[in-house]
Amino acid sequence: MDTGTGDKVREYWTDRSVGFDVATRKSLESPDPRIEDAMDRLGARSGGRVIDMGTGCGYLAVLFAERGFRVTGVDLSESMIGYARRIADERNLSVDFIVGDS
């Protein structure tokens, strides 16, 4: 296990995960139209594959999954991934969330 910078980063984001859960849920109630526009401009088709590195509580992962993409979300913080899984489950979305580092 990392005993240096990686642990400090993981601890920082784990400590902030509750606030991010609340913010992610609120943001998903009314997604930012600029993000949806950017997703449209990507030209990717439903059924495509997306990897969301640094997924946090899964905001972008959920938005892509709702559009029919196969999504993997990766984050250092096990706590963030736990919240992301719950959000996806509550929305009946299949997203593969992994605790890890790039």
PDB file of N, CA and C in Angstrom:
ATOM      1  N   MET A   1       0.839  -1.185   0.000  1.00  0.00           N
ATOM      2  CA  MET A   1       0.000   0.000   0.000  1.00  0.00           C
ATOM      3  C   MET A   1       0.883   1.247   0.000  1.00  0.00           C
ATOM      4  N   ASP A   2       0.449   2.235  -0.715  1.00  0.00           N
ATOM      5  CA  ASP A   2       1.159   3.507  -0.815  1.00  0.00           C
ATOM      6  C   ASP A   2       1.164   4.193   0.551  1.00  0.00           C
ATOM      7  N   THR A   3       2.309   4.628   0.994  1.00  0.00           N
ATOM      8  CA  THR A   3       2.389   5.329   2.279  1.00  0.00           C
ATOM      9  C   THR A   3       2.792   6.783   2.089  1.00  0.00           C
ATOM     10  N   GLY A   4       2.737   7.254   0.863  1.00  0.00           N
ATOM     11  CA  GLY A   4       3.164   8.626   0.582  1.00  0.00           C
ATOM     12  C   GLY A   4       2.029   9.474   0.066  1.00  0.00           C
ATOM     13  N   THR A   5       2.304  10.130  -1.036  1.00  0.00           N
ATOM     14  CA  THR A   5       1.361  11.071  -1.623  1.00  0.00           C
ATOM     15  C   THR A   5       0.023  10.426  -1.963  1.00  0.00           C
ATOM     16  N   GLY A   6       0.055   9.201  -2.488  1.00  0.00           N
ATOM     17  CA  GLY A   6      -1.191   8.519  -2.857  1.00  0.00           C
ATOM     18  C   GLY A   6      -2.136   8.367  -1.685  1.00  0.00           C
ATOM     19  N   ASP A   7      -1.598   8.018  -0.512  1.00  0.00           N
ATOM     20  CA  ASP A   7      -2.435   7.888   0.681  1.00  0.00           C
ATOM     21  C   ASP A   7      -3.026   9.239   1.082  1.00  0.00           C
ATOM     22  N   LYS A   8      -2.236  10.280   0.988  1.00  0.00           N
ATOM     23  CA  LYS A   8      -2.733  11.615   1.352  1.00  0.00           C
ATOM     24  C   LYS A   8      -3.851  12.055   0.409  1.00  0.00           C
ATOM     25  N   VAL A   9      -3.683  11.784  -0.868  1.00  0.00           N
ATOM     26  CA  VAL A   9      -4.715  12.136  -1.850  1.00  0.00           C
ATOM     27  C   VAL A   9      -5.979  11.326  -1.572  1.00  0.00           C
ATOM     28  N   ARG A  10      -5.824  10.040  -1.356  1.00  0.00           N
ATOM     29  CA  ARG A  10      -6.964   9.159  -1.066  1.00  0.00           C
ATOM     30  C   ARG A  10      -7.705   9.645   0.179  1.00  0.00           C
ATOM     31  N   GLU A  11      -6.979   9.960   1.233  1.00  0.00           N
ATOM     32  CA  GLU A  11      -7.595  10.447   2.475  1.00  0.00           C
ATOM     33  C   GLU A  11      -8.340  11.760   2.248  1.00  0.00           C
ATOM     34  N   TYR A  12      -7.737  12.659   1.495  1.00  0.00           N
ATOM     35  CA  TYR A  12      -8.378  13.947   1.205  1.00  0.00           C
ATOM     36  C   TYR A  12      -9.734  13.731   0.545  1.00  0.00           C
ATOM     37  N   TRP A  13      -9.771  12.903  -0.508  1.00  0.00           N
ATOM     38  CA  TRP A  13     -11.024  12.694  -1.242  1.00  0.00           C
ATOM     39  C   TRP A  13     -12.014  11.852  -0.450  1.00  0.00           C
ATOM     40  N   THR A  14     -11.531  10.939   0.356  1.00  0.00           N
ATOM     41  CA  THR A  14     -12.431  10.165   1.212  1.00  0.00           C
ATOM     42  C   THR A  14     -13.118  11.096   2.209  1.00  0.00           C
ATOM     43  N   ASP A  15     -12.362  12.025   2.786  1.00  0.00           N
ATOM     44  CA  ASP A  15     -12.939  12.994   3.722  1.00  0.00           C
ATOM     45  C   ASP A  15     -13.994  13.878   3.062  1.00  0.00           C
ATOM     46  N   ARG A  16     -13.844  14.143   1.792  1.00  0.00           N
ATOM     47  CA  ARG A  16     -14.773  15.023   1.075  1.00  0.00           C
ATOM     48  C   ARG A  16     -15.921  14.263   0.420  1.00  0.00           C
ATOM     49  N   SER A  17     -15.932  12.947   0.509  1.00  0.00           N
ATOM     50  CA  SER A  17     -16.892  12.143  -0.251  1.00  0.00           C
ATOM     51  C   SER A  17     -18.348  12.404   0.118  1.00  0.00           C
ATOM     52  N   VAL A  18     -18.654  12.647   1.387  1.00  0.00           N
ATOM     53  CA  VAL A  18     -20.049  12.897   1.775  1.00  0.00           C
ATOM     54  C   VAL A  18     -20.569  14.145   1.073  1.00  0.00           C
ATOM     55  N   GLY A  19     -19.787  15.196   1.065  1.00  0.00           N
ATOM     56  CA  GLY A  19     -20.195  16.421   0.372  1.00  0.00           C
ATOM     57  C   GLY A  19     -20.347  16.204  -1.124  1.00  0.00           C
ATOM     58  N   PHE A  20     -19.482  15.400  -1.700  1.00  0.00           N
ATOM     59  CA  PHE A  20     -19.574  15.116  -3.132  1.00  0.00           C
ATOM     60  C   PHE A  20     -20.801  14.283  -3.453  1.00  0.00           C
ATOM     61  N   ASP A  21     -21.173  13.368  -2.547  1.00  0.00           N
ATOM     62  CA  ASP A  21     -22.394  12.592  -2.747  1.00  0.00           C
ATOM     63  C   ASP A  21     -23.597  13.522  -2.843  1.00  0.00           C
ATOM     64  N   VAL A  22     -23.705  14.435  -1.911  1.00  0.00           N
ATOM     65  CA  VAL A  22     -24.818  15.392  -1.901  1.00  0.00           C
ATOM     66  C   VAL A  22     -24.802  16.237  -3.173  1.00  0.00           C
ATOM     67  N   ALA A  23     -23.644  16.759  -3.537  1.00  0.00           N
ATOM     68  CA  ALA A  23     -23.529  17.611  -4.733  1.00  0.00           C
ATOM     69  C   ALA A  23     -23.834  16.831  -6.010  1.00  0.00           C
ATOM     70  N   THR A  24     -23.371  15.582  -6.084  1.00  0.00           N
ATOM     71  CA  THR A  24     -23.618  14.768  -7.279  1.00  0.00           C
ATOM     72  C   THR A  24     -25.102  14.510  -7.436  1.00  0.00           C
ATOM     73  N   ARG A  25     -25.765  14.132  -6.357  1.00  0.00           N
ATOM     74  CA  ARG A  25     -27.211  13.868  -6.422  1.00  0.00           C
ATOM     75  C   ARG A  25     -27.972  15.119  -6.864  1.00  0.00           C
ATOM     76  N   LYS A  26     -27.600  16.261  -6.318  1.00  0.00           N
ATOM     77  CA  LYS A  26     -28.265  17.519  -6.678  1.00  0.00           C
ATOM     78  C   LYS A  26     -28.002  17.851  -8.151  1.00  0.00           C
ATOM     79  N   SER A  27     -26.766  17.676  -8.597  1.00  0.00           N
ATOM     80  CA  SER A  27     -26.419  17.978  -9.988  1.00  0.00           C
ATOM     81  C   SER A  27     -27.142  17.056 -10.963  1.00  0.00           C
ATOM     82  N   LEU A  28     -27.370  15.810 -10.577  1.00  0.00           N
ATOM     83  CA  LEU A  28     -28.052  14.877 -11.464  1.00  0.00           C
ATOM     84  C   LEU A  28     -29.544  15.176 -11.594  1.00  0.00           C
ATOM     85  N   GLU A  29     -30.093  15.944 -10.646  1.00  0.00           N
ATOM     86  CA  GLU A  29     -31.496  16.361 -10.756  1.00  0.00           C
ATOM     87  C   GLU A  29     -31.686  17.281 -11.945  1.00  0.00           C
ATOM     88  N   SER A  30     -30.674  18.066 -12.236  1.00  0.00           N
ATOM     89  CA  SER A  30     -30.729  19.006 -13.345  1.00  0.00           C
ATOM     90  C   SER A  30     -29.318  19.139 -13.927  1.00  0.00           C
ATOM     91  N   PRO A  31     -28.910  18.173 -14.778  1.00  0.00           N
ATOM     92  CA  PRO A  31     -27.542  18.184 -15.315  1.00  0.00           C
ATOM     93  C   PRO A  31     -27.200  19.487 -16.045  1.00  0.00           C
ATOM     94  N   ASP A  32     -25.963  19.872 -15.944  1.00  0.00           N
ATOM     95  CA  ASP A  32     -25.453  21.076 -16.596  1.00  0.00           C
ATOM     96  C   ASP A  32     -25.613  20.936 -18.109  1.00  0.00           C
ATOM     97  N   PRO A  33     -26.363  21.818 -18.745  1.00  0.00           N
ATOM     98  CA  PRO A  33     -26.577  21.709 -20.194  1.00  0.00           C
ATOM     99  C   PRO A  33     -25.279  21.815 -20.996  1.00  0.00           C
ATOM    100  N   ARG A  34     -24.260  22.473 -20.452  1.00  0.00           N
ATOM    101  CA  ARG A  34     -22.974  22.558 -21.161  1.00  0.00           C
ATOM    102  C   ARG A  34     -22.316  21.184 -21.241  1.00  0.00           C
ATOM    103  N   ILE A  35     -22.473  20.402 -20.194  1.00  0.00           N
ATOM    104  CA  ILE A  35     -21.907  19.048 -20.212  1.00  0.00           C
ATOM    105  C   ILE A  35     -22.679  18.182 -21.193  1.00  0.00           C
ATOM    106  N   GLU A  36     -23.998  18.284 -21.176  1.00  0.00           N
ATOM    107  CA  GLU A  36     -24.799  17.509 -22.120  1.00  0.00           C
ATOM    108  C   GLU A  36     -24.483  17.916 -23.559  1.00  0.00           C
ATOM    109  N   ASP A  37     -24.267  19.197 -23.795  1.00  0.00           N
ATOM    110  CA  ASP A  37     -23.900  19.669 -25.128  1.00  0.00           C
ATOM    111  C   ASP A  37     -22.546  19.096 -25.548  1.00  0.00           C
ATOM    112  N   ALA A  38     -21.599  19.101 -24.626  1.00  0.00           N
ATOM    113  CA  ALA A  38     -20.272  18.536 -24.934  1.00  0.00           C
ATOM    114  C   ALA A  38     -20.381  17.049 -25.248  1.00  0.00           C
ATOM    115  N   MET A  39     -21.226  16.342 -24.514  1.00  0.00           N
ATOM    116  CA  MET A  39     -21.426  14.920 -24.782  1.00  0.00           C
ATOM    117  C   MET A  39     -22.016  14.723 -26.178  1.00  0.00           C
ATOM    118  N   ASP A  40     -22.962  15.576 -26.540  1.00  0.00           N
ATOM    119  CA  ASP A  40     -23.552  15.501 -27.885  1.00  0.00           C
ATOM    120  C   ASP A  40     -22.498  15.750 -28.958  1.00  0.00           C
ATOM    121  N   ARG A  41     -21.640  16.743 -28.725  1.00  0.00           N
ATOM    122  CA  ARG A  41     -20.630  17.097 -29.719  1.00  0.00           C
ATOM    123  C   ARG A  41     -19.535  16.045 -29.874  1.00  0.00           C
ATOM    124  N   LEU A  42     -19.393  15.175 -28.896  1.00  0.00           N
ATOM    125  CA  LEU A  42     -18.414  14.096 -29.009  1.00  0.00           C
ATOM    126  C   LEU A  42     -18.770  13.148 -30.153  1.00  0.00           C
ATOM    127  N   GLY A  43     -20.045  13.082 -30.462  1.00  0.00           N
ATOM    128  CA  GLY A  43     -20.479  12.243 -31.566  1.00  0.00           C
ATOM    129  C   GLY A  43     -20.441  10.756 -31.270  1.00  0.00           C
ATOM    130  N   ALA A  44     -20.206  10.402 -30.015  1.00  0.00           N
ATOM    131  CA  ALA A  44     -20.182   8.985 -29.655  1.00  0.00           C
ATOM    132  C   ALA A  44     -21.601   8.425 -29.711  1.00  0.00           C
ATOM    133  N   ARG A  45     -21.686   7.162 -30.031  1.00  0.00           N
ATOM    134  CA  ARG A  45     -22.977   6.509 -30.167  1.00  0.00           C
ATOM    135  C   ARG A  45     -23.285   5.649 -28.939  1.00  0.00           C
ATOM    136  N   SER A  46     -24.575   5.548 -28.658  1.00  0.00           N
ATOM    137  CA  SER A  46     -25.029   4.671 -27.592  1.00  0.00           C
ATOM    138  C   SER A  46     -24.447   3.281 -27.815  1.00  0.00           C
ATOM    139  N   GLY A  47     -24.061   2.627 -26.745  1.00  0.00           N
ATOM    140  CA  GLY A  47     -23.435   1.319 -26.853  1.00  0.00           C
ATOM    141  C   GLY A  47     -21.919   1.397 -26.855  1.00  0.00           C
ATOM    142  N   GLY A  48     -21.396   2.617 -26.994  1.00  0.00           N
ATOM    143  CA  GLY A  48     -19.950   2.807 -26.951  1.00  0.00           C
ATOM    144  C   GLY A  48     -19.422   2.583 -25.547  1.00  0.00           C
ATOM    145  N   ARG A  49     -18.129   2.612 -25.418  1.00  0.00           N
ATOM    146  CA  ARG A  49     -17.452   2.360 -24.152  1.00  0.00           C
ATOM    147  C   ARG A  49     -16.833   3.643 -23.629  1.00  0.00           C
ATOM    148  N   VAL A  50     -17.043   3.925 -22.331  1.00  0.00           N
ATOM    149  CA  VAL A  50     -16.494   5.120 -21.693  1.00  0.00           C
ATOM    150  C   VAL A  50     -15.766   4.711 -20.421  1.00  0.00           C
ATOM    151  N   ILE A  51     -14.574   5.268 -20.216  1.00  0.00           N
ATOM    152  CA  ILE A  51     -13.860   5.104 -18.947  1.00  0.00           C
ATOM    153  C   ILE A  51     -13.766   6.480 -18.304  1.00  0.00           C
ATOM    154  N   ASP A  52     -14.319   6.604 -17.113  1.00  0.00           N
ATOM    155  CA  ASP A  52     -14.332   7.859 -16.370  1.00  0.00           C
ATOM    156  C   ASP A  52     -13.292   7.769 -15.253  1.00  0.00           C
ATOM    157  N   MET A  53     -12.100   8.290 -15.541  1.00  0.00           N
ATOM    158  CA  MET A  53     -11.015   8.274 -14.556  1.00  0.00           C
ATOM    159  C   MET A  53     -11.226   9.416 -13.561  1.00  0.00           C
ATOM    160  N   GLY A  54     -11.091   9.118 -12.283  1.00  0.00           N
ATOM    161  CA  GLY A  54     -11.364  10.119 -11.254  1.00  0.00           C
ATOM    162  C   GLY A  54     -12.856  10.370 -11.165  1.00  0.00           C
ATOM    163  N   THR A  55     -13.636   9.304 -11.211  1.00  0.00           N
ATOM    164  CA  THR A  55     -15.090   9.400 -11.300  1.00  0.00           C
ATOM    165  C   THR A  55     -15.752  10.044 -10.095  1.00  0.00           C
ATOM    166  N   GLY A  56     -15.082  10.036  -8.944  1.00  0.00           N
ATOM    167  CA  GLY A  56     -15.708  10.595  -7.748  1.00  0.00           C
ATOM    168  C   GLY A  56     -16.982   9.830  -7.438  1.00  0.00           C
ATOM    169  N   CYS A  57     -18.086  10.536  -7.276  1.00  0.00           N
ATOM    170  CA  CYS A  57     -19.381   9.905  -6.998  1.00  0.00           C
ATOM    171  C   CYS A  57     -20.132   9.535  -8.273  1.00  0.00           C
ATOM    172  N   GLY A  58     -19.463   9.605  -9.413  1.00  0.00           N
ATOM    173  CA  GLY A  58     -19.998   9.052 -10.641  1.00  0.00           C
ATOM    174  C   GLY A  58     -20.865   9.952 -11.503  1.00  0.00           C
ATOM    175  N   TYR A  59     -20.779  11.260 -11.341  1.00  0.00           N
ATOM    176  CA  TYR A  59     -21.639  12.172 -12.114  1.00  0.00           C
ATOM    177  C   TYR A  59     -21.579  11.892 -13.615  1.00  0.00           C
ATOM    178  N   LEU A  60     -20.392  11.970 -14.204  1.00  0.00           N
ATOM    179  CA  LEU A  60     -20.280  11.746 -15.655  1.00  0.00           C
ATOM    180  C   LEU A  60     -20.560  10.298 -16.024  1.00  0.00           C
ATOM    181  N   ALA A  61     -20.134   9.371 -15.185  1.00  0.00           N
ATOM    182  CA  ALA A  61     -20.392   7.949 -15.448  1.00  0.00           C
ATOM    183  C   ALA A  61     -21.895   7.702 -15.547  1.00  0.00           C
ATOM    184  N   VAL A  62     -22.655   8.275 -14.645  1.00  0.00           N
ATOM    185  CA  VAL A  62     -24.111   8.114 -14.651  1.00  0.00           C
ATOM    186  C   VAL A  62     -24.715   8.761 -15.896  1.00  0.00           C
ATOM    187  N   LEU A  63     -24.280   9.967 -16.231  1.00  0.00           N
ATOM    188  CA  LEU A  63     -24.829  10.631 -17.424  1.00  0.00           C
ATOM    189  C   LEU A  63     -24.575   9.809 -18.684  1.00  0.00           C
ATOM    190  N   PHE A  64     -23.378   9.257 -18.827  1.00  0.00           N
ATOM    191  CA  PHE A  64     -23.086   8.417 -19.996  1.00  0.00           C
ATOM    192  C   PHE A  64     -23.903   7.127 -19.959  1.00  0.00           C
ATOM    193  N   ALA A  65     -24.021   6.503 -18.796  1.00  0.00           N
ATOM    194  CA  ALA A  65     -24.802   5.263 -18.689  1.00  0.00           C
ATOM    195  C   ALA A  65     -26.265   5.514 -19.040  1.00  0.00           C
ATOM    196  N   GLU A  66     -26.793   6.661 -18.635  1.00  0.00           N
ATOM    197  CA  GLU A  66     -28.181   6.996 -18.977  1.00  0.00           C
ATOM    198  C   GLU A  66     -28.371   7.159 -20.479  1.00  0.00           C
ATOM    199  N   ARG A  67     -27.301   7.453 -21.179  1.00  0.00           N
ATOM    200  CA  ARG A  67     -27.355   7.592 -22.646  1.00  0.00           C
ATOM    201  C   ARG A  67     -27.048   6.277 -23.359  1.00  0.00           C
ATOM    202  N   GLY A  68     -26.914   5.204 -22.610  1.00  0.00           N
ATOM    203  CA  GLY A  68     -26.738   3.892 -23.213  1.00  0.00           C
ATOM    204  C   GLY A  68     -25.314   3.444 -23.431  1.00  0.00           C
ATOM    205  N   PHE A  69     -24.358   4.115 -22.817  1.00  0.00           N
ATOM    206  CA  PHE A  69     -22.954   3.723 -22.932  1.00  0.00           C
ATOM    207  C   PHE A  69     -22.620   2.645 -21.900  1.00  0.00           C
ATOM    208  N   ARG A  70     -21.635   1.829 -22.211  1.00  0.00           N
ATOM    209  CA  ARG A  70     -21.047   0.895 -21.248  1.00  0.00           C
ATOM    210  C   ARG A  70     -19.950   1.678 -20.535  1.00  0.00           C
ATOM    211  N   VAL A  71     -20.081   1.826 -19.221  1.00  0.00           N
ATOM    212  CA  VAL A  71     -19.221   2.752 -18.488  1.00  0.00           C
ATOM    213  C   VAL A  71     -18.455   2.042 -17.373  1.00  0.00           C
ATOM    214  N   THR A  72     -17.177   2.409 -17.263  1.00  0.00           N
ATOM    215  CA  THR A  72     -16.349   2.025 -16.127  1.00  0.00           C
ATOM    216  C   THR A  72     -15.893   3.321 -15.466  1.00  0.00           C
ATOM    217  N   GLY A  73     -16.121   3.429 -14.166  1.00  0.00           N
ATOM    218  CA  GLY A  73     -15.669   4.580 -13.389  1.00  0.00           C
ATOM    219  C   GLY A  73     -14.578   4.141 -12.430  1.00  0.00           C
ATOM    220  N   VAL A  74     -13.481   4.881 -12.396  1.00  0.00           N
ATOM    221  CA  VAL A  74     -12.335   4.534 -11.552  1.00  0.00           C
ATOM    222  C   VAL A  74     -12.032   5.707 -10.622  1.00  0.00           C
ATOM    223  N   ASP A  75     -11.794   5.400  -9.348  1.00  0.00           N
ATOM    224  CA  ASP A  75     -11.423   6.441  -8.396  1.00  0.00           C
ATOM    225  C   ASP A  75     -10.548   5.848  -7.300  1.00  0.00           C
ATOM    226  N   LEU A  76      -9.666   6.668  -6.739  1.00  0.00           N
ATOM    227  CA  LEU A  76      -8.791   6.259  -5.638  1.00  0.00           C
ATOM    228  C   LEU A  76      -9.549   5.971  -4.352  1.00  0.00           C
ATOM    229  N   SER A  77     -10.634   6.700  -4.145  1.00  0.00           N
ATOM    230  CA  SER A  77     -11.342   6.651  -2.873  1.00  0.00           C
ATOM    231  C   SER A  77     -12.434   5.578  -2.876  1.00  0.00           C
ATOM    232  N   GLU A  78     -12.284   4.613  -2.003  1.00  0.00           N
ATOM    233  CA  GLU A  78     -13.299   3.566  -1.863  1.00  0.00           C
ATOM    234  C   GLU A  78     -14.645   4.165  -1.451  1.00  0.00           C
ATOM    235  N   SER A  79     -14.600   5.203  -0.645  1.00  0.00           N
ATOM    236  CA  SER A  79     -15.817   5.876  -0.211  1.00  0.00           C
ATOM    237  C   SER A  79     -16.545   6.528  -1.394  1.00  0.00           C
ATOM    238  N   MET A  80     -15.801   7.215  -2.241  1.00  0.00           N
ATOM    239  CA  MET A  80     -16.404   7.821  -3.437  1.00  0.00           C
ATOM    240  C   MET A  80     -17.039   6.749  -4.308  1.00  0.00           C
ATOM    241  N   ILE A  81     -16.335   5.654  -4.517  1.00  0.00           N
ATOM    242  CA  ILE A  81     -16.857   4.559  -5.343  1.00  0.00           C
ATOM    243  C   ILE A  81     -18.120   3.974  -4.708  1.00  0.00           C
ATOM    244  N   GLY A  82     -18.152   3.872  -3.399  1.00  0.00           N
ATOM    245  CA  GLY A  82     -19.350   3.379  -2.713  1.00  0.00           C
ATOM    246  C   GLY A  82     -20.556   4.249  -2.993  1.00  0.00           C
ATOM    247  N   TYR A  83     -20.364   5.569  -2.917  1.00  0.00           N
ATOM    248  CA  TYR A  83     -21.463   6.487  -3.230  1.00  0.00           C
ATOM    249  C   TYR A  83     -21.866   6.375  -4.696  1.00  0.00           C
ATOM    250  N   ALA A  84     -20.884   6.286  -5.578  1.00  0.00           N
ATOM    251  CA  ALA A  84     -21.173   6.171  -7.010  1.00  0.00           C
ATOM    252  C   ALA A  84     -22.006   4.923  -7.296  1.00  0.00           C
ATOM    253  N   ARG A  85     -21.646   3.814  -6.682  1.00  0.00           N
ATOM    254  CA  ARG A  85     -22.400   2.568  -6.882  1.00  0.00           C
ATOM    255  C   ARG A  85     -23.849   2.724  -6.421  1.00  0.00           C
ATOM    256  N   ARG A  86     -24.032   3.355  -5.264  1.00  0.00           N
ATOM    257  CA  ARG A  86     -25.392   3.545  -4.750  1.00  0.00           C
ATOM    258  C   ARG A  86     -26.216   4.427  -5.688  1.00  0.00           C
ATOM    259  N   ILE A  87     -25.611   5.496  -6.182  1.00  0.00           N
ATOM    260  CA  ILE A  87     -26.339   6.387  -7.095  1.00  0.00           C
ATOM    261  C   ILE A  87     -26.739   5.635  -8.360  1.00  0.00           C
ATOM    262  N   ALA A  88     -25.801   4.892  -8.943  1.00  0.00           N
ATOM    263  CA  ALA A  88     -26.112   4.131 -10.161  1.00  0.00           C
ATOM    264  C   ALA A  88     -27.191   3.084  -9.879  1.00  0.00           C
ATOM    265  N   ASP A  89     -27.082   2.386  -8.760  1.00  0.00           N
ATOM    266  CA  ASP A  89     -28.082   1.377  -8.403  1.00  0.00           C
ATOM    267  C   ASP A  89     -29.468   1.999  -8.239  1.00  0.00           C
ATOM    268  N   GLU A  90     -29.528   3.143  -7.574  1.00  0.00           N
ATOM    269  CA  GLU A  90     -30.810   3.828  -7.369  1.00  0.00           C
ATOM    270  C   GLU A  90     -31.457   4.230  -8.694  1.00  0.00           C
ATOM    271  N   ARG A  91     -30.632   4.444  -9.718  1.00  0.00           N
ATOM    272  CA  ARG A  91     -31.136   4.855 -11.028  1.00  0.00           C
ATOM    273  C   ARG A  91     -31.251   3.646 -11.981  1.00  0.00           C
ATOM    274  N   ASN A  92     -31.062   2.446 -11.425  1.00  0.00           N
ATOM    275  CA  ASN A  92     -31.138   1.203 -12.210  1.00  0.00           C
ATOM    276  C   ASN A  92     -30.189   1.203 -13.401  1.00  0.00           C
ATOM    277  N   LEU A  93     -28.958   1.668 -13.155  1.00  0.00           N
ATOM    278  CA  LEU A  93     -27.944   1.722 -14.195  1.00  0.00           C
ATOM    279  C   LEU A  93     -26.851   0.708 -13.904  1.00  0.00           C
ATOM    280  N   SER A  94     -26.325   0.133 -14.955  1.00  0.00           N
ATOM    281  CA  SER A  94     -25.211  -0.788 -14.829  1.00  0.00           C
ATOM    282  C   SER A  94     -23.918  -0.040 -15.154  1.00  0.00           C
ATOM    283  N   VAL A  95     -23.145   0.236 -14.129  1.00  0.00           N
ATOM    284  CA  VAL A  95     -21.849   0.900 -14.276  1.00  0.00           C
ATOM    285  C   VAL A  95     -20.833   0.092 -13.491  1.00  0.00           C
ATOM    286  N   ASP A  96     -19.692  -0.178 -14.095  1.00  0.00           N
ATOM    287  CA  ASP A  96     -18.630  -0.914 -13.426  1.00  0.00           C
ATOM    288  C   ASP A  96     -17.725   0.084 -12.718  1.00  0.00           C
ATOM    289  N   PHE A  97     -17.827   0.152 -11.403  1.00  0.00           N
ATOM    290  CA  PHE A  97     -16.995   1.071 -10.632  1.00  0.00           C
ATOM    291  C   PHE A  97     -15.844   0.300  -9.984  1.00  0.00           C
ATOM    292  N   ILE A  98     -14.640   0.861 -10.106  1.00  0.00           N
ATOM    293  CA  ILE A  98     -13.429   0.217  -9.623  1.00  0.00           C
ATOM    294  C   ILE A  98     -12.637   1.185  -8.744  1.00  0.00           C
ATOM    295  N   VAL A  99     -12.179   0.692  -7.604  1.00  0.00           N
ATOM    296  CA  VAL A  99     -11.258   1.456  -6.770  1.00  0.00           C
ATOM    297  C   VAL A  99      -9.875   1.237  -7.335  1.00  0.00           C
ATOM    298  N   GLY A 100      -9.225   2.317  -7.744  1.00  0.00           N
ATOM    299  CA  GLY A 100      -7.897   2.186  -8.317  1.00  0.00           C
ATOM    300  C   GLY A 100      -7.338   3.526  -8.722  1.00  0.00           C
ATOM    301  N   ASP A 101      -6.154   3.481  -9.285  1.00  0.00           N
ATOM    302  CA  ASP A 101      -5.431   4.663  -9.722  1.00  0.00           C
ATOM    303  C   ASP A 101      -5.063   4.496 -11.180  1.00  0.00           C
ATOM    304  N   SER A 102      -4.919   5.586 -11.870  1.00  0.00           N
ATOM    305  CA  SER A 102      -4.538   5.514 -13.280  1.00  0.00           C
ATOM    306  C   SER A 102      -3.090   5.152 -13.379  1.00  0.00           C
TER     307      SER A 102
END
